[in-house]
Amino acid sequence: MDKDLMVVEYLKIYFNAHPEQVPEDSNKAFELFQQLHKKYKGKFIDSFKQKSEKYVDRFFDDDKDRYL
């Protein structure tokens, strides 16, 4: 699944659980959705990057004799 779609699904779940947090004004609601999407997309990418780096580091540390 695309990272954008995953973040949208997280936001859907959050706002379905907390509908009172959605502003009545459609422009304000749109701005809120954009801000949260950008924020969580950045966190999602950072988390994925850290997990990938840890995996690669662990892989090469375990098998360092193979790649010399």
N, C-alpha and C. Protein backbone atom coordinates (compact mmCIF):
# COMPACT_ATOMS: atom_id res chain seq x y z
N MET A 1 0.84 -1.18 0.00
CA MET A 1 0.00 0.00 0.00
C MET A 1 0.89 1.24 0.00
N ASP A 2 0.47 2.23 -0.72
CA ASP A 2 1.20 3.49 -0.83
C ASP A 2 1.21 4.21 0.52
N LYS A 3 2.31 4.91 0.79
CA LYS A 3 2.43 5.62 2.08
C LYS A 3 1.36 6.68 2.24
N ASP A 4 0.97 7.34 1.17
CA ASP A 4 -0.09 8.35 1.25
C ASP A 4 -1.42 7.71 1.65
N LEU A 5 -1.71 6.56 1.06
CA LEU A 5 -2.97 5.89 1.38
C LEU A 5 -2.99 5.37 2.81
N MET A 6 -1.83 4.93 3.29
CA MET A 6 -1.77 4.45 4.67
C MET A 6 -2.04 5.60 5.65
N VAL A 7 -1.46 6.75 5.38
CA VAL A 7 -1.67 7.91 6.24
C VAL A 7 -3.14 8.34 6.18
N VAL A 8 -3.74 8.31 5.01
CA VAL A 8 -5.16 8.67 4.88
C VAL A 8 -6.02 7.70 5.69
N GLU A 9 -5.68 6.41 5.65
CA GLU A 9 -6.44 5.44 6.44
C GLU A 9 -6.32 5.71 7.93
N TYR A 10 -5.11 6.05 8.40
CA TYR A 10 -4.93 6.42 9.81
C TYR A 10 -5.80 7.62 10.17
N LEU A 11 -5.81 8.63 9.30
CA LEU A 11 -6.61 9.82 9.57
C LEU A 11 -8.11 9.51 9.57
N LYS A 12 -8.53 8.63 8.66
CA LYS A 12 -9.94 8.23 8.63
C LYS A 12 -10.35 7.58 9.95
N ILE A 13 -9.50 6.68 10.41
CA ILE A 13 -9.79 5.99 11.67
C ILE A 13 -9.86 6.99 12.82
N TYR A 14 -8.89 7.90 12.86
CA TYR A 14 -8.85 8.89 13.94
C TYR A 14 -10.10 9.77 13.93
N PHE A 15 -10.45 10.31 12.77
CA PHE A 15 -11.58 11.23 12.72
C PHE A 15 -12.92 10.52 12.82
N ASN A 16 -12.98 9.24 12.49
CA ASN A 16 -14.21 8.49 12.76
C ASN A 16 -14.39 8.28 14.25
N ALA A 17 -13.29 8.14 14.97
CA ALA A 17 -13.36 7.96 16.42
C ALA A 17 -13.59 9.30 17.14
N HIS A 18 -13.16 10.41 16.53
CA HIS A 18 -13.26 11.74 17.15
C HIS A 18 -13.89 12.73 16.16
N PRO A 19 -15.15 12.56 15.83
CA PRO A 19 -15.78 13.47 14.85
C PRO A 19 -15.92 14.90 15.35
N GLU A 20 -15.87 15.10 16.65
CA GLU A 20 -16.01 16.46 17.18
C GLU A 20 -14.80 17.33 16.88
N GLN A 21 -13.70 16.74 16.44
CA GLN A 21 -12.49 17.50 16.16
C GLN A 21 -12.46 18.04 14.73
N VAL A 22 -13.40 17.65 13.92
CA VAL A 22 -13.47 18.16 12.54
C VAL A 22 -14.19 19.51 12.58
N PRO A 23 -13.53 20.58 12.11
CA PRO A 23 -14.18 21.90 12.12
C PRO A 23 -15.40 21.94 11.20
N GLU A 24 -16.35 22.79 11.54
CA GLU A 24 -17.57 22.93 10.73
C GLU A 24 -17.26 23.58 9.37
N ASP A 25 -16.37 24.55 9.36
CA ASP A 25 -15.99 25.23 8.12
C ASP A 25 -15.18 24.28 7.24
N SER A 26 -15.61 24.12 6.00
CA SER A 26 -14.95 23.16 5.12
C SER A 26 -13.51 23.55 4.79
N ASN A 27 -13.23 24.85 4.68
CA ASN A 27 -11.86 25.28 4.40
C ASN A 27 -10.93 24.99 5.57
N LYS A 28 -11.41 25.24 6.78
CA LYS A 28 -10.61 24.94 7.97
C LYS A 28 -10.39 23.43 8.11
N ALA A 29 -11.43 22.66 7.82
CA ALA A 29 -11.30 21.20 7.90
C ALA A 29 -10.28 20.70 6.88
N PHE A 30 -10.33 21.25 5.67
CA PHE A 30 -9.38 20.86 4.63
C PHE A 30 -7.95 21.19 5.05
N GLU A 31 -7.74 22.38 5.61
CA GLU A 31 -6.41 22.78 6.08
C GLU A 31 -5.92 21.85 7.19
N LEU A 32 -6.82 21.50 8.10
CA LEU A 32 -6.46 20.58 9.19
C LEU A 32 -6.05 19.22 8.63
N PHE A 33 -6.82 18.72 7.67
CA PHE A 33 -6.50 17.42 7.05
C PHE A 33 -5.15 17.48 6.35
N GLN A 34 -4.89 18.57 5.65
CA GLN A 34 -3.60 18.71 4.96
C GLN A 34 -2.44 18.74 5.94
N GLN A 35 -2.59 19.51 7.00
CA GLN A 35 -1.51 19.62 8.01
C GLN A 35 -1.23 18.26 8.66
N LEU A 36 -2.29 17.57 9.06
CA LEU A 36 -2.10 16.27 9.71
C LEU A 36 -1.53 15.24 8.74
N HIS A 37 -1.98 15.29 7.49
CA HIS A 37 -1.46 14.35 6.49
C HIS A 37 0.04 14.55 6.31
N LYS A 38 0.45 15.81 6.19
CA LYS A 38 1.87 16.12 6.01
C LYS A 38 2.68 15.67 7.23
N LYS A 39 2.15 15.93 8.42
CA LYS A 39 2.84 15.58 9.67
C LYS A 39 3.01 14.06 9.79
N TYR A 40 1.93 13.32 9.60
CA TYR A 40 1.99 11.87 9.77
C TYR A 40 2.73 11.19 8.63
N LYS A 41 2.68 11.76 7.45
CA LYS A 41 3.44 11.20 6.34
C LYS A 41 4.94 11.31 6.63
N GLY A 42 5.36 12.45 7.17
CA GLY A 42 6.77 12.62 7.54
C GLY A 42 7.19 11.64 8.61
N LYS A 43 6.33 11.44 9.62
CA LYS A 43 6.64 10.48 10.68
C LYS A 43 6.70 9.06 10.13
N PHE A 44 5.78 8.74 9.24
CA PHE A 44 5.73 7.41 8.64
C PHE A 44 6.99 7.13 7.83
N ILE A 45 7.42 8.10 7.04
CA ILE A 45 8.62 7.95 6.22
C ILE A 45 9.85 7.83 7.11
N ASP A 46 9.95 8.65 8.15
CA ASP A 46 11.10 8.56 9.07
C ASP A 46 11.15 7.20 9.76
N SER A 47 10.00 6.71 10.19
CA SER A 47 9.94 5.41 10.86
C SER A 47 10.38 4.30 9.90
N PHE A 48 9.88 4.34 8.68
CA PHE A 48 10.25 3.33 7.69
C PHE A 48 11.74 3.40 7.37
N LYS A 49 12.28 4.60 7.27
CA LYS A 49 13.69 4.78 6.98
C LYS A 49 14.56 4.21 8.10
N GLN A 50 14.18 4.47 9.35
CA GLN A 50 14.94 3.95 10.48
C GLN A 50 14.89 2.43 10.53
N LYS A 51 13.74 1.86 10.30
CA LYS A 51 13.61 0.40 10.30
C LYS A 51 14.44 -0.21 9.18
N SER A 52 14.45 0.41 8.02
CA SER A 52 15.23 -0.09 6.89
C SER A 52 16.72 -0.02 7.19
N GLU A 53 17.16 1.09 7.77
CA GLU A 53 18.57 1.23 8.10
C GLU A 53 19.01 0.20 9.14
N LYS A 54 18.17 -0.03 10.13
CA LYS A 54 18.50 -1.04 11.15
C LYS A 54 18.59 -2.42 10.52
N TYR A 55 17.68 -2.74 9.62
CA TYR A 55 17.69 -4.05 8.96
C TYR A 55 18.96 -4.23 8.14
N VAL A 56 19.31 -3.21 7.37
CA VAL A 56 20.50 -3.30 6.52
C VAL A 56 21.75 -3.39 7.37
N ASP A 57 21.84 -2.58 8.41
CA ASP A 57 23.00 -2.64 9.31
C ASP A 57 23.14 -4.01 9.95
N ARG A 58 22.03 -4.54 10.42
CA ARG A 58 22.08 -5.86 11.06
C ARG A 58 22.46 -6.94 10.06
N PHE A 59 21.94 -6.84 8.84
CA PHE A 59 22.26 -7.82 7.81
C PHE A 59 23.75 -7.83 7.49
N PHE A 60 24.33 -6.65 7.30
CA PHE A 60 25.74 -6.60 6.94
C PHE A 60 26.66 -6.88 8.13
N ASP A 61 26.22 -6.57 9.33
CA ASP A 61 27.02 -6.90 10.52
C ASP A 61 27.06 -8.40 10.75
N ASP A 62 25.96 -9.09 10.51
CA ASP A 62 25.92 -10.54 10.71
C ASP A 62 26.71 -11.29 9.65
N ASP A 63 26.72 -10.79 8.43
CA ASP A 63 27.35 -11.50 7.32
C ASP A 63 28.54 -10.74 6.77
N LYS A 64 29.33 -10.10 7.60
CA LYS A 64 30.40 -9.24 7.09
C LYS A 64 31.51 -10.02 6.40
N ASP A 65 31.70 -11.29 6.71
CA ASP A 65 32.74 -12.07 6.05
C ASP A 65 32.37 -12.40 4.60
N ARG A 66 31.12 -12.42 4.28
CA ARG A 66 30.68 -12.76 2.92
C ARG A 66 31.00 -11.69 1.89
N TYR A 67 31.03 -10.45 2.30
CA TYR A 67 31.10 -9.35 1.33
C TYR A 67 32.48 -8.69 1.26
N LEU A 68 33.50 -9.40 1.64
CA LEU A 68 34.85 -8.83 1.56
C LEU A 68 35.51 -9.12 0.26
